[in-house]
Amino acid sequence: MTTPSPTSPTLPELLSRERFIRLAAHTAFVSDIIGDRYAVLVMEIDQLDLVRARFGAKTAEACAAVITRRFQEAMPPETLGTQLREDAYGVLAFATGTEAAALALSDRLHDYMRTPIATGSGEMVVSVSVGIAFTRHGVRAIDALRAAERAVIRVRQNGGDATFIGRVVPTVTPPSFDQVTRRSSRELVGVDG
């Protein structure tokens, strides 16, 4: 693992959740047109609540700041990142259309996070859970993000500190007004005939 030096260039900006989802939606639209797919990763810190309970809010906030910086350092240039919640981060990995490439990015995130964090009461090592989902034709970006979040829940339920690739289940779109009208007309014709 290579860690950037303190004099490395500025870290990538983390987007707001709303902007992250808008960019994901735009990317999904473009991906549909060109027939490409990309990965959505969600990384959640496994023990932040325990750190807060055992060492206090200041230590938990200091750990969260270090983790945010490490998250930014681990992000390759072809990705966008966001802080989804206090203990969760999201990544859009545009050049990561295969399972192997997404798992390599997940391994990079795990490696960066496992480096001990110095606190007032010693050193602490945190682990993370990572969920991955892929877009495909006809899948909304928010569906891929939700699938990655469900994958993280599955990892956490199995003890954390791992990665799981989730399946994207597209939302069912309600039938259009024309489809409902035509079906009703056929049913009425069948009854009257």
C-alpha atoms as a PDB file:
ATOM      1  CA  MET A   1       0.000   0.000   0.000  1.00  0.00           C
ATOM      2  CA  THR A   2       1.296   3.428  -0.858  1.00  0.00           C
ATOM      3  CA  THR A   3       0.285   6.318   1.308  1.00  0.00           C
ATOM      4  CA  PRO A   4       0.492   9.802  -0.212  1.00  0.00           C
ATOM      5  CA  SER A   5       3.026  12.097   1.366  1.00  0.00           C
ATOM      6  CA  PRO A   6       1.855  15.069   3.463  1.00  0.00           C
ATOM      7  CA  THR A   7       2.904  17.320   0.569  1.00  0.00           C
ATOM      8  CA  SER A   8       0.683  15.524  -1.951  1.00  0.00           C
ATOM      9  CA  PRO A   9      -1.734  17.606  -4.061  1.00  0.00           C
ATOM     10  CA  THR A  10      -5.077  18.639  -2.652  1.00  0.00           C
ATOM     11  CA  LEU A  11      -7.481  15.818  -1.917  1.00  0.00           C
ATOM     12  CA  PRO A  12     -10.558  15.282  -4.099  1.00  0.00           C
ATOM     13  CA  GLU A  13     -13.647  17.111  -2.934  1.00  0.00           C
ATOM     14  CA  LEU A  14     -16.414  15.021  -1.404  1.00  0.00           C
ATOM     15  CA  LEU A  15     -19.757  15.846  -2.982  1.00  0.00           C
ATOM     16  CA  SER A  16     -23.020  16.322  -1.146  1.00  0.00           C
ATOM     17  CA  ARG A  17     -25.290  13.263  -1.228  1.00  0.00           C
ATOM     18  CA  GLU A  18     -27.763  15.095  -3.495  1.00  0.00           C
ATOM     19  CA  ARG A  19     -25.094  16.134  -6.020  1.00  0.00           C
ATOM     20  CA  PHE A  20     -23.587  12.637  -5.880  1.00  0.00           C
ATOM     21  CA  ILE A  21     -26.977  11.094  -6.766  1.00  0.00           C
ATOM     22  CA  ARG A  22     -27.571  13.636  -9.572  1.00  0.00           C
ATOM     23  CA  LEU A  23     -24.161  12.860 -11.097  1.00  0.00           C
ATOM     24  CA  ALA A  24     -24.816   9.135 -10.703  1.00  0.00           C
ATOM     25  CA  ALA A  25     -28.141   9.539 -12.512  1.00  0.00           C
ATOM     26  CA  HIS A  26     -26.477  11.465 -15.349  1.00  0.00           C
ATOM     27  CA  THR A  27     -23.755   8.824 -15.612  1.00  0.00           C
ATOM     28  CA  ALA A  28     -26.346   6.037 -15.684  1.00  0.00           C
ATOM     29  CA  PHE A  29     -28.127   7.826 -18.551  1.00  0.00           C
ATOM     30  CA  VAL A  30     -24.881   8.182 -20.521  1.00  0.00           C
ATOM     31  CA  SER A  31     -23.902   4.588 -19.708  1.00  0.00           C
ATOM     32  CA  ASP A  32     -27.226   3.377 -21.116  1.00  0.00           C
ATOM     33  CA  ILE A  33     -26.540   5.204 -24.374  1.00  0.00           C
ATOM     34  CA  ILE A  34     -22.989   3.914 -24.841  1.00  0.00           C
ATOM     35  CA  GLY A  35     -23.685   0.483 -23.344  1.00  0.00           C
ATOM     36  CA  ASP A  36     -21.179   0.830 -20.503  1.00  0.00           C
ATOM     37  CA  ARG A  37     -21.565   0.123 -16.805  1.00  0.00           C
ATOM     38  CA  TYR A  38     -19.881   1.418 -13.681  1.00  0.00           C
ATOM     39  CA  ALA A  39     -19.618   0.455 -10.035  1.00  0.00           C
ATOM     40  CA  VAL A  40     -21.219   2.096  -7.023  1.00  0.00           C
ATOM     41  CA  LEU A  41     -19.442   1.337  -3.743  1.00  0.00           C
ATOM     42  CA  VAL A  42     -20.624   2.135  -0.231  1.00  0.00           C
ATOM     43  CA  MET A  43     -18.108   1.976   2.623  1.00  0.00           C
ATOM     44  CA  GLU A  44     -19.280   2.009   6.229  1.00  0.00           C
ATOM     45  CA  ILE A  45     -17.057   2.255   9.308  1.00  0.00           C
ATOM     46  CA  ASP A  46     -17.708  -0.772  11.499  1.00  0.00           C
ATOM     47  CA  GLN A  47     -16.861   0.462  15.010  1.00  0.00           C
ATOM     48  CA  LEU A  48     -17.461   4.228  15.133  1.00  0.00           C
ATOM     49  CA  ASP A  49     -20.358   3.887  17.610  1.00  0.00           C
ATOM     50  CA  LEU A  50     -18.199   1.716  19.881  1.00  0.00           C
ATOM     51  CA  VAL A  51     -15.348   4.238  19.693  1.00  0.00           C
ATOM     52  CA  ARG A  52     -17.780   6.997  20.709  1.00  0.00           C
ATOM     53  CA  ALA A  53     -19.187   4.939  23.595  1.00  0.00           C
ATOM     54  CA  ARG A  54     -15.796   3.854  24.918  1.00  0.00           C
ATOM     55  CA  PHE A  55     -13.557   6.876  24.283  1.00  0.00           C
ATOM     56  CA  GLY A  56     -16.001   9.773  23.904  1.00  0.00           C
ATOM     57  CA  ALA A  57     -17.248  12.061  21.162  1.00  0.00           C
ATOM     58  CA  LYS A  58     -13.941  13.943  20.656  1.00  0.00           C
ATOM     59  CA  THR A  59     -12.014  10.751  19.930  1.00  0.00           C
ATOM     60  CA  ALA A  60     -14.775   9.512  17.606  1.00  0.00           C
ATOM     61  CA  GLU A  61     -14.761  12.839  15.721  1.00  0.00           C
ATOM     62  CA  ALA A  62     -10.956  12.744  15.410  1.00  0.00           C
ATOM     63  CA  CYS A  63     -11.158   9.170  14.048  1.00  0.00           C
ATOM     64  CA  ALA A  64     -13.894  10.187  11.599  1.00  0.00           C
ATOM     65  CA  ALA A  65     -11.728  13.079  10.326  1.00  0.00           C
ATOM     66  CA  VAL A  66      -8.783  10.728   9.746  1.00  0.00           C
ATOM     67  CA  ILE A  67     -11.056   8.229   7.985  1.00  0.00           C
ATOM     68  CA  THR A  68     -12.497  10.954   5.738  1.00  0.00           C
ATOM     69  CA  ARG A  69      -8.991  12.049   4.756  1.00  0.00           C
ATOM     70  CA  ARG A  70      -7.936   8.442   4.080  1.00  0.00           C
ATOM     71  CA  PHE A  71     -11.084   7.886   2.027  1.00  0.00           C
ATOM     72  CA  GLN A  72     -10.187  10.885  -0.123  1.00  0.00           C
ATOM     73  CA  GLU A  73      -6.598   9.632  -0.486  1.00  0.00           C
ATOM     74  CA  ALA A  74      -7.768   6.162  -1.547  1.00  0.00           C
ATOM     75  CA  MET A  75     -10.089   7.434  -4.278  1.00  0.00           C
ATOM     76  CA  PRO A  76      -8.593   7.012  -7.767  1.00  0.00           C
ATOM     77  CA  PRO A  77      -8.835  10.041 -10.107  1.00  0.00           C
ATOM     78  CA  GLU A  78     -11.661   8.482 -12.178  1.00  0.00           C
ATOM     79  CA  THR A  79     -14.045   8.316  -9.196  1.00  0.00           C
ATOM     80  CA  LEU A  80     -16.397  10.639  -7.336  1.00  0.00           C
ATOM     81  CA  GLY A  81     -16.987  10.349  -3.615  1.00  0.00           C
ATOM     82  CA  THR A  82     -19.466  11.535  -1.020  1.00  0.00           C
ATOM     83  CA  GLN A  83     -20.038  11.251   2.680  1.00  0.00           C
ATOM     84  CA  LEU A  84     -23.465   9.652   2.839  1.00  0.00           C
ATOM     85  CA  ARG A  85     -23.756   9.711   6.641  1.00  0.00           C
ATOM     86  CA  GLU A  86     -21.411  10.259   9.573  1.00  0.00           C
ATOM     87  CA  ASP A  87     -20.064   6.705   9.261  1.00  0.00           C
ATOM     88  CA  ALA A  88     -20.696   5.939   5.565  1.00  0.00           C
ATOM     89  CA  TYR A  89     -19.172   7.016   2.269  1.00  0.00           C
ATOM     90  CA  GLY A  90     -20.109   6.429  -1.352  1.00  0.00           C
ATOM     91  CA  VAL A  91     -17.993   6.064  -4.496  1.00  0.00           C
ATOM     92  CA  LEU A  92     -18.915   6.238  -8.190  1.00  0.00           C
ATOM     93  CA  ALA A  93     -16.177   4.345  -9.988  1.00  0.00           C
ATOM     94  CA  PHE A  94     -16.562   5.131 -13.683  1.00  0.00           C
ATOM     95  CA  ALA A  95     -13.678   3.020 -15.002  1.00  0.00           C
ATOM     96  CA  THR A  96     -14.674   0.077 -12.815  1.00  0.00           C
ATOM     97  CA  GLY A  97     -17.071  -1.995 -14.869  1.00  0.00           C
ATOM     98  CA  THR A  98     -15.820  -5.426 -13.814  1.00  0.00           C
ATOM     99  CA  GLU A  99     -15.999  -7.287 -10.523  1.00  0.00           C
ATOM    100  CA  ALA A 100     -12.187  -7.588 -10.399  1.00  0.00           C
ATOM    101  CA  ALA A 101     -11.675  -3.824 -10.772  1.00  0.00           C
ATOM    102  CA  ALA A 102     -14.348  -3.030  -8.160  1.00  0.00           C
ATOM    103  CA  LEU A 103     -12.861  -5.544  -5.709  1.00  0.00           C
ATOM    104  CA  ALA A 104      -9.405  -4.009  -6.263  1.00  0.00           C
ATOM    105  CA  LEU A 105     -10.828  -0.602  -5.302  1.00  0.00           C
ATOM    106  CA  SER A 106     -12.525  -2.183  -2.277  1.00  0.00           C
ATOM    107  CA  ASP A 107      -9.198  -3.769  -1.228  1.00  0.00           C
ATOM    108  CA  ARG A 108      -7.550  -0.357  -1.524  1.00  0.00           C
ATOM    109  CA  LEU A 109     -10.190   1.166   0.783  1.00  0.00           C
ATOM    110  CA  HIS A 110      -9.743  -1.681   3.307  1.00  0.00           C
ATOM    111  CA  ASP A 111      -5.944  -1.237   3.268  1.00  0.00           C
ATOM    112  CA  TYR A 112      -6.109   2.512   3.839  1.00  0.00           C
ATOM    113  CA  MET A 113      -8.546   2.131   6.722  1.00  0.00           C
ATOM    114  CA  ARG A 114      -6.618  -0.615   8.563  1.00  0.00           C
ATOM    115  CA  THR A 115      -3.632   1.642   9.261  1.00  0.00           C
ATOM    116  CA  PRO A 116      -3.676   2.418  13.030  1.00  0.00           C
ATOM    117  CA  ILE A 117      -5.063   5.800  14.071  1.00  0.00           C
ATOM    118  CA  ALA A 118      -3.233   7.606  16.883  1.00  0.00           C
ATOM    119  CA  THR A 119      -5.579   8.825  19.633  1.00  0.00           C
ATOM    120  CA  GLY A 120      -5.046  10.340  23.072  1.00  0.00           C
ATOM    121  CA  SER A 121      -5.464   6.873  24.583  1.00  0.00           C
ATOM    122  CA  GLY A 122      -3.170   4.979  22.199  1.00  0.00           C
ATOM    123  CA  GLU A 123      -3.605   3.584  18.714  1.00  0.00           C
ATOM    124  CA  MET A 124      -6.818   2.251  17.274  1.00  0.00           C
ATOM    125  CA  VAL A 125      -7.522   0.179  14.179  1.00  0.00           C
ATOM    126  CA  VAL A 126     -10.928   0.412  12.548  1.00  0.00           C
ATOM    127  CA  SER A 127     -12.400  -1.891   9.953  1.00  0.00           C
ATOM    128  CA  VAL A 128     -14.890  -1.107   7.236  1.00  0.00           C
ATOM    129  CA  SER A 129     -17.655  -2.929   5.421  1.00  0.00           C
ATOM    130  CA  VAL A 130     -17.952  -2.362   1.675  1.00  0.00           C
ATOM    131  CA  GLY A 131     -20.939  -3.016  -0.566  1.00  0.00           C
ATOM    132  CA  ILE A 132     -20.696  -2.945  -4.349  1.00  0.00           C
ATOM    133  CA  ALA A 133     -23.374  -2.779  -7.028  1.00  0.00           C
ATOM    134  CA  PHE A 134     -23.155  -2.262 -10.778  1.00  0.00           C
ATOM    135  CA  THR A 135     -25.341  -0.306 -13.123  1.00  0.00           C
ATOM    136  CA  ARG A 136     -26.682  -1.975 -16.226  1.00  0.00           C
ATOM    137  CA  HIS A 137     -29.120  -1.032 -18.960  1.00  0.00           C
ATOM    138  CA  GLY A 138     -32.359   0.321 -17.524  1.00  0.00           C
ATOM    139  CA  VAL A 139     -31.148   0.560 -13.896  1.00  0.00           C
ATOM    140  CA  ARG A 140     -31.493   3.897 -12.145  1.00  0.00           C
ATOM    141  CA  ALA A 141     -28.448   5.161 -10.258  1.00  0.00           C
ATOM    142  CA  ILE A 142     -30.397   5.357  -7.001  1.00  0.00           C
ATOM    143  CA  ASP A 143     -31.218   1.636  -7.366  1.00  0.00           C
ATOM    144  CA  ALA A 144     -27.499   0.824  -7.665  1.00  0.00           C
ATOM    145  CA  LEU A 145     -26.756   2.978  -4.587  1.00  0.00           C
ATOM    146  CA  ARG A 146     -29.505   1.229  -2.596  1.00  0.00           C
ATOM    147  CA  ALA A 147     -28.200  -2.180  -3.685  1.00  0.00           C
ATOM    148  CA  ALA A 148     -24.700  -1.236  -2.493  1.00  0.00           C
ATOM    149  CA  GLU A 149     -26.171  -0.049   0.840  1.00  0.00           C
ATOM    150  CA  ARG A 150     -28.052  -3.367   1.208  1.00  0.00           C
ATOM    151  CA  ALA A 151     -24.785  -5.198   0.490  1.00  0.00           C
ATOM    152  CA  VAL A 152     -23.126  -3.261   3.345  1.00  0.00           C
ATOM    153  CA  ILE A 153     -25.933  -4.297   5.691  1.00  0.00           C
ATOM    154  CA  ARG A 154     -25.337  -7.909   4.708  1.00  0.00           C
ATOM    155  CA  VAL A 155     -21.598  -7.557   5.435  1.00  0.00           C
ATOM    156  CA  ARG A 156     -22.335  -5.955   8.824  1.00  0.00           C
ATOM    157  CA  GLN A 157     -24.763  -8.746   9.711  1.00  0.00           C
ATOM    158  CA  ASN A 158     -21.933 -11.220   9.071  1.00  0.00           C
ATOM    159  CA  GLY A 159     -19.423  -9.444  11.324  1.00  0.00           C
ATOM    160  CA  GLY A 160     -18.144  -6.656   9.066  1.00  0.00           C
ATOM    161  CA  ASP A 161     -14.640  -6.063   7.694  1.00  0.00           C
ATOM    162  CA  ALA A 162     -15.462  -7.575   4.307  1.00  0.00           C
ATOM    163  CA  THR A 163     -16.875  -6.774   0.865  1.00  0.00           C
ATOM    164  CA  PHE A 164     -20.064  -8.018  -0.758  1.00  0.00           C
ATOM    165  CA  ILE A 165     -21.321  -7.476  -4.304  1.00  0.00           C
ATOM    166  CA  GLY A 166     -25.070  -6.870  -4.248  1.00  0.00           C
ATOM    167  CA  ARG A 167     -27.589  -7.469  -7.000  1.00  0.00           C
ATOM    168  CA  VAL A 168     -29.458  -4.449  -8.318  1.00  0.00           C
ATOM    169  CA  VAL A 169     -33.202  -4.942  -8.383  1.00  0.00           C
ATOM    170  CA  PRO A 170     -34.750  -2.339 -10.684  1.00  0.00           C
ATOM    171  CA  THR A 171     -37.862  -0.674  -9.397  1.00  0.00           C
ATOM    172  CA  VAL A 172     -41.109  -1.732 -11.021  1.00  0.00           C
ATOM    173  CA  THR A 173     -42.558   1.136 -12.980  1.00  0.00           C
ATOM    174  CA  PRO A 174     -46.324   1.513 -12.833  1.00  0.00           C
ATOM    175  CA  PRO A 175     -48.119   1.054 -16.151  1.00  0.00           C
ATOM    176  CA  SER A 176     -48.762   4.195 -18.128  1.00  0.00           C
ATOM    177  CA  PHE A 177     -52.250   5.648 -18.465  1.00  0.00           C
ATOM    178  CA  ASP A 178     -52.474   4.344 -22.060  1.00  0.00           C
ATOM    179  CA  GLN A 179     -51.656   0.790 -20.967  1.00  0.00           C
ATOM    180  CA  VAL A 180     -54.309   0.894 -18.224  1.00  0.00           C
ATOM    181  CA  THR A 181     -56.905   2.368 -20.581  1.00  0.00           C
ATOM    182  CA  ARG A 182     -56.235  -0.215 -23.308  1.00  0.00           C
ATOM    183  CA  ARG A 183     -56.368  -3.106 -20.872  1.00  0.00           C
ATOM    184  CA  SER A 184     -59.639  -1.815 -19.383  1.00  0.00           C
ATOM    185  CA  SER A 185     -61.122  -1.431 -22.853  1.00  0.00           C
ATOM    186  CA  ARG A 186     -60.193  -5.006 -23.791  1.00  0.00           C
ATOM    187  CA  GLU A 187     -61.716  -6.309 -20.563  1.00  0.00           C
ATOM    188  CA  LEU A 188     -64.930  -4.428 -21.234  1.00  0.00           C
ATOM    189  CA  VAL A 189     -65.084  -5.681 -24.808  1.00  0.00           C
ATOM    190  CA  GLY A 190     -64.598  -9.226 -23.552  1.00  0.00           C
ATOM    191  CA  VAL A 191     -67.428  -8.861 -21.023  1.00  0.00           C
ATOM    192  CA  ASP A 192     -69.863  -7.282 -23.485  1.00  0.00           C
ATOM    193  CA  GLY A 193     -69.016  -9.668 -26.357  1.00  0.00           C
END
